[in-house]
Amino acid sequence: MTSFQITLMVGFGLLVVLAASRLFKGPFRWAMRAALHTLLGIAALVAFHFWGGGIGLSLGLTLVNIAVVSLLGVPGFGLLLFAQWLF
């Protein structure tokens, strides 16, 4: 292989990587943001489980609770507390 062919292959590879990074930038950012929100929701539920247990309140660490807190944030947390109080 000549140096011209190697340079051409490396250049083509860089173009493919650049195109793929531009193509998947949005979905990757969305996935990372969803993962961060999920981890923060789990952390909030675990913290509330320990602190809220002292005053008689607790929310289980279920998939539904995690999804509600991850998607809705603080209002979702309030919604879960209200639903527990209501039912």
PDB file of N, CA and C in Angstrom:
ATOM      1  N   MET A   1       0.835  -1.163   0.000  1.00  0.00           N
ATOM      2  CA  MET A   1       0.000   0.000   0.000  1.00  0.00           C
ATOM      3  C   MET A   1       0.887   1.236   0.000  1.00  0.00           C
ATOM      4  N   THR A   2       0.498   2.173  -0.793  1.00  0.00           N
ATOM      5  CA  THR A   2       1.275   3.401  -0.859  1.00  0.00           C
ATOM      6  C   THR A   2       0.820   4.368   0.225  1.00  0.00           C
ATOM      7  N   SER A   3       1.622   5.360   0.460  1.00  0.00           N
ATOM      8  CA  SER A   3       1.276   6.348   1.479  1.00  0.00           C
ATOM      9  C   SER A   3       0.045   7.157   1.063  1.00  0.00           C
ATOM     10  N   PHE A   4      -0.155   7.330  -0.226  1.00  0.00           N
ATOM     11  CA  PHE A   4      -1.348   8.040  -0.707  1.00  0.00           C
ATOM     12  C   PHE A   4      -2.607   7.246  -0.368  1.00  0.00           C
ATOM     13  N   GLN A   5      -2.586   5.931  -0.542  1.00  0.00           N
ATOM     14  CA  GLN A   5      -3.745   5.099  -0.238  1.00  0.00           C
ATOM     15  C   GLN A   5      -4.037   5.103   1.269  1.00  0.00           C
ATOM     16  N   ILE A   6      -2.989   5.050   2.068  1.00  0.00           N
ATOM     17  CA  ILE A   6      -3.174   5.081   3.519  1.00  0.00           C
ATOM     18  C   ILE A   6      -3.781   6.421   3.942  1.00  0.00           C
ATOM     19  N   THR A   7      -3.264   7.510   3.380  1.00  0.00           N
ATOM     20  CA  THR A   7      -3.792   8.835   3.689  1.00  0.00           C
ATOM     21  C   THR A   7      -5.254   8.947   3.261  1.00  0.00           C
ATOM     22  N   LEU A   8      -5.570   8.403   2.107  1.00  0.00           N
ATOM     23  CA  LEU A   8      -6.946   8.422   1.606  1.00  0.00           C
ATOM     24  C   LEU A   8      -7.868   7.621   2.522  1.00  0.00           C
ATOM     25  N   MET A   9      -7.428   6.456   2.994  1.00  0.00           N
ATOM     26  CA  MET A   9      -8.248   5.630   3.888  1.00  0.00           C
ATOM     27  C   MET A   9      -8.442   6.310   5.249  1.00  0.00           C
ATOM     28  N   VAL A  10      -7.392   6.914   5.771  1.00  0.00           N
ATOM     29  CA  VAL A  10      -7.504   7.621   7.047  1.00  0.00           C
ATOM     30  C   VAL A  10      -8.453   8.806   6.906  1.00  0.00           C
ATOM     31  N   GLY A  11      -8.352   9.553   5.833  1.00  0.00           N
ATOM     32  CA  GLY A  11      -9.243  10.682   5.592  1.00  0.00           C
ATOM     33  C   GLY A  11     -10.694  10.239   5.470  1.00  0.00           C
ATOM     34  N   PHE A  12     -10.928   9.141   4.760  1.00  0.00           N
ATOM     35  CA  PHE A  12     -12.282   8.612   4.627  1.00  0.00           C
ATOM     36  C   PHE A  12     -12.806   8.148   5.983  1.00  0.00           C
ATOM     37  N   GLY A  13     -11.957   7.507   6.771  1.00  0.00           N
ATOM     38  CA  GLY A  13     -12.359   7.069   8.110  1.00  0.00           C
ATOM     39  C   GLY A  13     -12.730   8.243   9.006  1.00  0.00           C
ATOM     40  N   LEU A  14     -11.962   9.327   8.919  1.00  0.00           N
ATOM     41  CA  LEU A  14     -12.277  10.516   9.696  1.00  0.00           C
ATOM     42  C   LEU A  14     -13.607  11.135   9.274  1.00  0.00           C
ATOM     43  N   LEU A  15     -13.876  11.119   7.973  1.00  0.00           N
ATOM     44  CA  LEU A  15     -15.161  11.637   7.496  1.00  0.00           C
ATOM     45  C   LEU A  15     -16.327  10.794   8.000  1.00  0.00           C
ATOM     46  N   VAL A  16     -16.143   9.481   8.029  1.00  0.00           N
ATOM     47  CA  VAL A  16     -17.198   8.597   8.534  1.00  0.00           C
ATOM     48  C   VAL A  16     -17.434   8.855  10.023  1.00  0.00           C
ATOM     49  N   VAL A  17     -16.356   8.998  10.792  1.00  0.00           N
ATOM     50  CA  VAL A  17     -16.492   9.277  12.227  1.00  0.00           C
ATOM     51  C   VAL A  17     -17.161  10.629  12.453  1.00  0.00           C
ATOM     52  N   LEU A  18     -16.794  11.625  11.673  1.00  0.00           N
ATOM     53  CA  LEU A  18     -17.405  12.947  11.795  1.00  0.00           C
ATOM     54  C   LEU A  18     -18.897  12.898  11.469  1.00  0.00           C
ATOM     55  N   ALA A  19     -19.252  12.196  10.404  1.00  0.00           N
ATOM     56  CA  ALA A  19     -20.662  12.083  10.022  1.00  0.00           C
ATOM     57  C   ALA A  19     -21.453  11.334  11.088  1.00  0.00           C
ATOM     58  N   ALA A  20     -20.879  10.262  11.631  1.00  0.00           N
ATOM     59  CA  ALA A  20     -21.580   9.489  12.663  1.00  0.00           C
ATOM     60  C   ALA A  20     -21.759  10.315  13.931  1.00  0.00           C
ATOM     61  N   SER A  21     -20.746  11.102  14.286  1.00  0.00           N
ATOM     62  CA  SER A  21     -20.872  11.914  15.499  1.00  0.00           C
ATOM     63  C   SER A  21     -21.941  12.982  15.329  1.00  0.00           C
ATOM     64  N   ARG A  22     -22.052  13.538  14.154  1.00  0.00           N
ATOM     65  CA  ARG A  22     -23.104  14.542  13.913  1.00  0.00           C
ATOM     66  C   ARG A  22     -24.487  13.886  13.886  1.00  0.00           C
ATOM     67  N   LEU A  23     -24.554  12.683  13.359  1.00  0.00           N
ATOM     68  CA  LEU A  23     -25.820  11.980  13.248  1.00  0.00           C
ATOM     69  C   LEU A  23     -26.352  11.557  14.610  1.00  0.00           C
ATOM     70  N   PHE A  24     -25.469  11.078  15.486  1.00  0.00           N
ATOM     71  CA  PHE A  24     -25.894  10.539  16.776  1.00  0.00           C
ATOM     72  C   PHE A  24     -25.739  11.514  17.937  1.00  0.00           C
ATOM     73  N   LYS A  25     -25.387  12.763  17.678  1.00  0.00           N
ATOM     74  CA  LYS A  25     -25.185  13.726  18.748  1.00  0.00           C
ATOM     75  C   LYS A  25     -26.473  13.984  19.522  1.00  0.00           C
ATOM     76  N   GLY A  26     -27.564  14.168  18.834  1.00  0.00           N
ATOM     77  CA  GLY A  26     -28.846  14.428  19.498  1.00  0.00           C
ATOM     78  C   GLY A  26     -29.339  13.255  20.321  1.00  0.00           C
ATOM     79  N   PRO A  27     -29.447  12.056  19.750  1.00  0.00           N
ATOM     80  CA  PRO A  27     -29.908  10.915  20.547  1.00  0.00           C
ATOM     81  C   PRO A  27     -28.964  10.568  21.703  1.00  0.00           C
ATOM     82  N   PHE A  28     -27.659  10.729  21.510  1.00  0.00           N
ATOM     83  CA  PHE A  28     -26.714  10.436  22.585  1.00  0.00           C
ATOM     84  C   PHE A  28     -26.894  11.426  23.725  1.00  0.00           C
ATOM     85  N   ARG A  29     -27.067  12.694  23.397  1.00  0.00           N
ATOM     86  CA  ARG A  29     -27.284  13.711  24.425  1.00  0.00           C
ATOM     87  C   ARG A  29     -28.586  13.427  25.172  1.00  0.00           C
ATOM     88  N   TRP A  30     -29.627  13.019  24.456  1.00  0.00           N
ATOM     89  CA  TRP A  30     -30.903  12.703  25.076  1.00  0.00           C
ATOM     90  C   TRP A  30     -30.762  11.504  26.007  1.00  0.00           C
ATOM     91  N   ALA A  31     -30.029  10.480  25.578  1.00  0.00           N
ATOM     92  CA  ALA A  31     -29.843   9.287  26.404  1.00  0.00           C
ATOM     93  C   ALA A  31     -29.043   9.611  27.664  1.00  0.00           C
ATOM     94  N   MET A  32     -28.016  10.428  27.540  1.00  0.00           N
ATOM     95  CA  MET A  32     -27.222  10.806  28.709  1.00  0.00           C
ATOM     96  C   MET A  32     -28.045  11.645  29.686  1.00  0.00           C
ATOM     97  N   ARG A  33     -28.877  12.519  29.152  1.00  0.00           N
ATOM     98  CA  ARG A  33     -29.728  13.346  30.006  1.00  0.00           C
ATOM     99  C   ARG A  33     -30.763  12.480  30.733  1.00  0.00           C
ATOM    100  N   ALA A  34     -31.336  11.504  30.034  1.00  0.00           N
ATOM    101  CA  ALA A  34     -32.302  10.598  30.661  1.00  0.00           C
ATOM    102  C   ALA A  34     -31.630   9.758  31.741  1.00  0.00           C
ATOM    103  N   ALA A  35     -30.406   9.306  31.487  1.00  0.00           N
ATOM    104  CA  ALA A  35     -29.680   8.526  32.492  1.00  0.00           C
ATOM    105  C   ALA A  35     -29.385   9.377  33.723  1.00  0.00           C
ATOM    106  N   LEU A  36     -29.002  10.618  33.525  1.00  0.00           N
ATOM    107  CA  LEU A  36     -28.726  11.513  34.648  1.00  0.00           C
ATOM    108  C   LEU A  36     -29.985  11.765  35.477  1.00  0.00           C
ATOM    109  N   HIS A  37     -31.104  12.009  34.815  1.00  0.00           N
ATOM    110  CA  HIS A  37     -32.357  12.241  35.520  1.00  0.00           C
ATOM    111  C   HIS A  37     -32.779  10.998  36.300  1.00  0.00           C
ATOM    112  N   THR A  38     -32.564   9.829  35.728  1.00  0.00           N
ATOM    113  CA  THR A  38     -32.908   8.588  36.415  1.00  0.00           C
ATOM    114  C   THR A  38     -32.056   8.411  37.662  1.00  0.00           C
ATOM    115  N   LEU A  39     -30.753   8.656  37.533  1.00  0.00           N
ATOM    116  CA  LEU A  39     -29.872   8.527  38.699  1.00  0.00           C
ATOM    117  C   LEU A  39     -30.227   9.534  39.790  1.00  0.00           C
ATOM    118  N   LEU A  40     -30.549  10.754  39.405  1.00  0.00           N
ATOM    119  CA  LEU A  40     -30.957  11.756  40.393  1.00  0.00           C
ATOM    120  C   LEU A  40     -32.283  11.383  41.049  1.00  0.00           C
ATOM    121  N   GLY A  41     -33.197  10.814  40.288  1.00  0.00           N
ATOM    122  CA  GLY A  41     -34.473  10.366  40.848  1.00  0.00           C
ATOM    123  C   GLY A  41     -34.283   9.240  41.848  1.00  0.00           C
ATOM    124  N   ILE A  42     -33.413   8.294  41.523  1.00  0.00           N
ATOM    125  CA  ILE A  42     -33.125   7.197  42.443  1.00  0.00           C
ATOM    126  C   ILE A  42     -32.482   7.736  43.717  1.00  0.00           C
ATOM    127  N   ALA A  43     -31.536   8.653  43.561  1.00  0.00           N
ATOM    128  CA  ALA A  43     -30.866   9.233  44.732  1.00  0.00           C
ATOM    129  C   ALA A  43     -31.868   9.969  45.623  1.00  0.00           C
ATOM    130  N   ALA A  44     -32.788  10.697  45.017  1.00  0.00           N
ATOM    131  CA  ALA A  44     -33.793  11.421  45.803  1.00  0.00           C
ATOM    132  C   ALA A  44     -34.714  10.458  46.544  1.00  0.00           C
ATOM    133  N   LEU A  45     -35.120   9.382  45.890  1.00  0.00           N
ATOM    134  CA  LEU A  45     -36.000   8.419  46.547  1.00  0.00           C
ATOM    135  C   LEU A  45     -35.291   7.681  47.678  1.00  0.00           C
ATOM    136  N   VAL A  46     -34.029   7.336  47.469  1.00  0.00           N
ATOM    137  CA  VAL A  46     -33.272   6.655  48.520  1.00  0.00           C
ATOM    138  C   VAL A  46     -33.065   7.588  49.710  1.00  0.00           C
ATOM    139  N   ALA A  47     -32.700   8.845  49.434  1.00  0.00           N
ATOM    140  CA  ALA A  47     -32.503   9.813  50.515  1.00  0.00           C
ATOM    141  C   ALA A  47     -33.808  10.030  51.285  1.00  0.00           C
ATOM    142  N   PHE A  48     -34.911  10.145  50.569  1.00  0.00           N
ATOM    143  CA  PHE A  48     -36.195  10.344  51.242  1.00  0.00           C
ATOM    144  C   PHE A  48     -36.602   9.108  52.029  1.00  0.00           C
ATOM    145  N   HIS A  49     -36.230   7.934  51.548  1.00  0.00           N
ATOM    146  CA  HIS A  49     -36.548   6.696  52.264  1.00  0.00           C
ATOM    147  C   HIS A  49     -35.896   6.704  53.642  1.00  0.00           C
ATOM    148  N   PHE A  50     -34.644   7.146  53.708  1.00  0.00           N
ATOM    149  CA  PHE A  50     -33.945   7.174  54.987  1.00  0.00           C
ATOM    150  C   PHE A  50     -34.419   8.331  55.872  1.00  0.00           C
ATOM    151  N   TRP A  51     -34.564   9.520  55.304  1.00  0.00           N
ATOM    152  CA  TRP A  51     -34.951  10.679  56.105  1.00  0.00           C
ATOM    153  C   TRP A  51     -36.446  10.701  56.392  1.00  0.00           C
ATOM    154  N   GLY A  52     -37.246  10.307  55.441  1.00  0.00           N
ATOM    155  CA  GLY A  52     -38.688  10.320  55.645  1.00  0.00           C
ATOM    156  C   GLY A  52     -39.165   9.221  56.569  1.00  0.00           C
ATOM    157  N   GLY A  53     -38.389   8.150  56.685  1.00  0.00           N
ATOM    158  CA  GLY A  53     -38.767   7.072  57.592  1.00  0.00           C
ATOM    159  C   GLY A  53     -38.795   7.516  59.035  1.00  0.00           C
ATOM    160  N   GLY A  54     -37.997   8.513  59.369  1.00  0.00           N
ATOM    161  CA  GLY A  54     -37.972   9.028  60.729  1.00  0.00           C
ATOM    162  C   GLY A  54     -39.243   9.753  61.117  1.00  0.00           C
ATOM    163  N   ILE A  55     -39.952  10.282  60.140  1.00  0.00           N
ATOM    164  CA  ILE A  55     -41.189  11.014  60.440  1.00  0.00           C
ATOM    165  C   ILE A  55     -42.433  10.260  59.965  1.00  0.00           C
ATOM    166  N   GLY A  56     -42.245   9.020  59.568  1.00  0.00           N
ATOM    167  CA  GLY A  56     -43.389   8.198  59.193  1.00  0.00           C
ATOM    168  C   GLY A  56     -43.769   8.248  57.728  1.00  0.00           C
ATOM    169  N   LEU A  57     -42.965   8.864  56.894  1.00  0.00           N
ATOM    170  CA  LEU A  57     -43.235   8.896  55.458  1.00  0.00           C
ATOM    171  C   LEU A  57     -42.183   8.083  54.725  1.00  0.00           C
ATOM    172  N   SER A  58     -42.616   7.317  53.765  1.00  0.00           N
ATOM    173  CA  SER A  58     -41.642   6.605  52.938  1.00  0.00           C
ATOM    174  C   SER A  58     -42.275   6.295  51.590  1.00  0.00           C
ATOM    175  N   LEU A  59     -41.461   6.366  50.575  1.00  0.00           N
ATOM    176  CA  LEU A  59     -41.866   5.980  49.230  1.00  0.00           C
ATOM    177  C   LEU A  59     -41.000   4.799  48.827  1.00  0.00           C
ATOM    178  N   GLY A  60     -41.605   3.782  48.281  1.00  0.00           N
ATOM    179  CA  GLY A  60     -40.846   2.617  47.862  1.00  0.00           C
ATOM    180  C   GLY A  60     -39.965   2.930  46.665  1.00  0.00           C
ATOM    181  N   LEU A  61     -38.946   2.148  46.501  1.00  0.00           N
ATOM    182  CA  LEU A  61     -38.029   2.309  45.375  1.00  0.00           C
ATOM    183  C   LEU A  61     -38.489   1.361  44.260  1.00  0.00           C
ATOM    184  N   THR A  62     -39.617   1.715  43.627  1.00  0.00           N
ATOM    185  CA  THR A  62     -40.171   0.896  42.560  1.00  0.00           C
ATOM    186  C   THR A  62     -39.909   1.544  41.210  1.00  0.00           C
ATOM    187  N   LEU A  63     -40.090   0.789  40.157  1.00  0.00           N
ATOM    188  CA  LEU A  63     -39.880   1.321  38.811  1.00  0.00           C
ATOM    189  C   LEU A  63     -40.843   2.458  38.492  1.00  0.00           C
ATOM    190  N   VAL A  64     -42.059   2.350  38.981  1.00  0.00           N
ATOM    191  CA  VAL A  64     -43.050   3.404  38.738  1.00  0.00           C
ATOM    192  C   VAL A  64     -42.632   4.691  39.435  1.00  0.00           C
ATOM    193  N   ASN A  65     -42.216   4.585  40.691  1.00  0.00           N
ATOM    194  CA  ASN A  65     -41.780   5.780  41.426  1.00  0.00           C
ATOM    195  C   ASN A  65     -40.554   6.402  40.778  1.00  0.00           C
ATOM    196  N   ILE A  66     -39.614   5.580  40.371  1.00  0.00           N
ATOM    197  CA  ILE A  66     -38.408   6.090  39.713  1.00  0.00           C
ATOM    198  C   ILE A  66     -38.777   6.793  38.404  1.00  0.00           C
ATOM    199  N   ALA A  67     -39.679   6.202  37.628  1.00  0.00           N
ATOM    200  CA  ALA A  67     -40.082   6.805  36.358  1.00  0.00           C
ATOM    201  C   ALA A  67     -40.784   8.139  36.572  1.00  0.00           C
ATOM    202  N   VAL A  68     -41.662   8.212  37.572  1.00  0.00           N
ATOM    203  CA  VAL A  68     -42.397   9.453  37.830  1.00  0.00           C
ATOM    204  C   VAL A  68     -41.439  10.560  38.257  1.00  0.00           C
ATOM    205  N   VAL A  69     -40.526  10.247  39.175  1.00  0.00           N
ATOM    206  CA  VAL A  69     -39.587  11.265  39.646  1.00  0.00           C
ATOM    207  C   VAL A  69     -38.604  11.639  38.542  1.00  0.00           C
ATOM    208  N   SER A  70     -38.187  10.668  37.729  1.00  0.00           N
ATOM    209  CA  SER A  70     -37.244  10.967  36.648  1.00  0.00           C
ATOM    210  C   SER A  70     -37.871  11.838  35.573  1.00  0.00           C
ATOM    211  N   LEU A  71     -39.108  11.562  35.230  1.00  0.00           N
ATOM    212  CA  LEU A  71     -39.754  12.314  34.155  1.00  0.00           C
ATOM    213  C   LEU A  71     -40.279  13.668  34.610  1.00  0.00           C
ATOM    214  N   LEU A  72     -40.844  13.726  35.816  1.00  0.00           N
ATOM    215  CA  LEU A  72     -41.495  14.952  36.258  1.00  0.00           C
ATOM    216  C   LEU A  72     -40.661  15.790  37.221  1.00  0.00           C
ATOM    217  N   GLY A  73     -39.642  15.195  37.812  1.00  0.00           N
ATOM    218  CA  GLY A  73     -38.774  15.943  38.722  1.00  0.00           C
ATOM    219  C   GLY A  73     -39.437  16.195  40.060  1.00  0.00           C
ATOM    220  N   VAL A  74     -39.251  17.398  40.589  1.00  0.00           N
ATOM    221  CA  VAL A  74     -39.788  17.761  41.907  1.00  0.00           C
ATOM    222  C   VAL A  74     -41.317  17.689  41.933  1.00  0.00           C
ATOM    223  N   PRO A  75     -42.028  18.156  40.892  1.00  0.00           N
ATOM    224  CA  PRO A  75     -43.494  17.986  40.923  1.00  0.00           C
ATOM    225  C   PRO A  75     -43.912  16.514  40.964  1.00  0.00           C
ATOM    226  N   GLY A  76     -43.162  15.644  40.324  1.00  0.00           N
ATOM    227  CA  GLY A  76     -43.457  14.216  40.387  1.00  0.00           C
ATOM    228  C   GLY A  76     -43.263  13.657  41.776  1.00  0.00           C
ATOM    229  N   PHE A  77     -42.228  14.144  42.463  1.00  0.00           N
ATOM    230  CA  PHE A  77     -41.991  13.740  43.848  1.00  0.00           C
ATOM    231  C   PHE A  77     -43.158  14.171  44.726  1.00  0.00           C
ATOM    232  N   GLY A  78     -43.610  15.400  44.528  1.00  0.00           N
ATOM    233  CA  GLY A  78     -44.777  15.888  45.264  1.00  0.00           C
ATOM    234  C   GLY A  78     -46.027  15.097  44.928  1.00  0.00           C
ATOM    235  N   LEU A  79     -46.177  14.723  43.673  1.00  0.00           N
ATOM    236  CA  LEU A  79     -47.318  13.920  43.251  1.00  0.00           C
ATOM    237  C   LEU A  79     -47.322  12.567  43.950  1.00  0.00           C
ATOM    238  N   LEU A  80     -46.161  11.944  44.068  1.00  0.00           N
ATOM    239  CA  LEU A  80     -46.076  10.656  44.754  1.00  0.00           C
ATOM    240  C   LEU A  80     -46.416  10.806  46.236  1.00  0.00           C
ATOM    241  N   LEU A  81     -45.938  11.874  46.867  1.00  0.00           N
ATOM    242  CA  LEU A  81     -46.273  12.100  48.272  1.00  0.00           C
ATOM    243  C   LEU A  81     -47.764  12.339  48.451  1.00  0.00           C
ATOM    244  N   PHE A  82     -48.345  13.116  47.545  1.00  0.00           N
ATOM    245  CA  PHE A  82     -49.779  13.380  47.605  1.00  0.00           C
ATOM    246  C   PHE A  82     -50.578  12.104  47.384  1.00  0.00           C
ATOM    247  N   ALA A  83     -50.156  11.280  46.441  1.00  0.00           N
ATOM    248  CA  ALA A  83     -50.863  10.027  46.168  1.00  0.00           C
ATOM    249  C   ALA A  83     -50.766   9.076  47.359  1.00  0.00           C
ATOM    250  N   GLN A  84     -49.619   9.058  48.030  1.00  0.00           N
ATOM    251  CA  GLN A  84     -49.483   8.211  49.212  1.00  0.00           C
ATOM    252  C   GLN A  84     -50.393   8.723  50.335  1.00  0.00           C
ATOM    253  N   TRP A  85     -50.465  10.018  50.504  1.00  0.00           N
ATOM    254  CA  TRP A  85     -51.309  10.596  51.530  1.00  0.00           C
ATOM    255  C   TRP A  85     -52.793  10.353  51.215  1.00  0.00           C
ATOM    256  N   LEU A  86     -53.137  10.431  49.928  1.00  0.00           N
ATOM    257  CA  LEU A  86     -54.521  10.294  49.504  1.00  0.00           C
ATOM    258  C   LEU A  86     -54.998   8.852  49.634  1.00  0.00           C
ATOM    259  N   PHE A  87     -54.167   7.911  49.276  1.00  0.00           N
ATOM    260  CA  PHE A  87     -54.562   6.499  49.299  1.00  0.00           C
ATOM    261  C   PHE A  87     -53.955   5.836  50.475  1.00  0.00           C
TER     262      PHE A  87
END
